[in-house]
């Protein structure tokens, strides 16, 4: 290698070392302190949180004391996830001072194009910060205030998404399996069949076809468990066109109410429609209070997108529950 080659090599090594040195630990009196000390005081007065990235954006708004996903027509927010993010930011401590060179921001994910920009709003104003990559050794996350070049490694591992569906309160129905007394199922283009809870408290077919047996003893359980902890993956405003030829399952509960679920598969998407009977009377004519097993997020204003597996569990044909015929 000629002398120019050696010189170029030395220059390149020097540049690399400069970048590395700029990002390694530089102890300061700030380390160990809260990343943003004033943030905790803002939590009680938040009016909105906006998150944007190269992959999309989401706006979360507090309306009359309840958090909503504005991009999903005011559907309730998964408050546990939102609280985890906000409290994580409020409690986050500075672990290491990193680069203040804007040229190095992209590799740490703390640019609007590479990271997640979070705007937290209060009546007094807003705060904007950028959440970058997790550290390679899993000890924290790179962050910086949008108004500053200085990057910090904080001690919190933050879960951030700009996809509105990721912020939905996905728990739709909470229904103990034992509360289900009967299920009437009409799978699309097939005859209705009925599942009942027998005298032993087990689920059984009301009319088992002559000469046939269940595929296995617990095959009917999935019809109940599919709805017992039913979650959604996304929501949309109700569209009657989705429901021209649905399948249907009617669950009769221990208190006498009916939970009616309609399902439809459209263009590789799986949809659910929920109707819950809330106003019934006992034998004396006294109104029975609403059942607590259906989540407050359930509303007929929405159609719910569900996982393929959930759709399949709710759409089991009678034949799929029976032991195959010998000729099969």
Foldseek 3Di string as FASTA:
>chain_A
DDPVVVVVVVVVVVVVVVQVVQFDFDDDPQAPPQPDQCLVVCVVFWAWKKKAELVAIWIWGQDPNFIATVVAVRFGWPVVQVVCQSVLNNRWGFHGWHHLDPVCCQVQQFDRHRFMWMWIDGPVGIWIKTWGAADPVRQATWIDTPVGSIITGIRGDHDDDRDSLVTHPFFFFAADLLFFAKKWWFFFPDDIWMWGQDPVRDIDTPDDPPPWDFQDDCLCVLLRVLRNGDTFRGKHFDDVVQVPTWIKMWTQGNVGKIWIWTWGADPNWIKIAIDTDAWDAPPVRHTDGGDPRGDPSHDRRMITTHDPVSRCSNRDDPQNGIHDDPVD
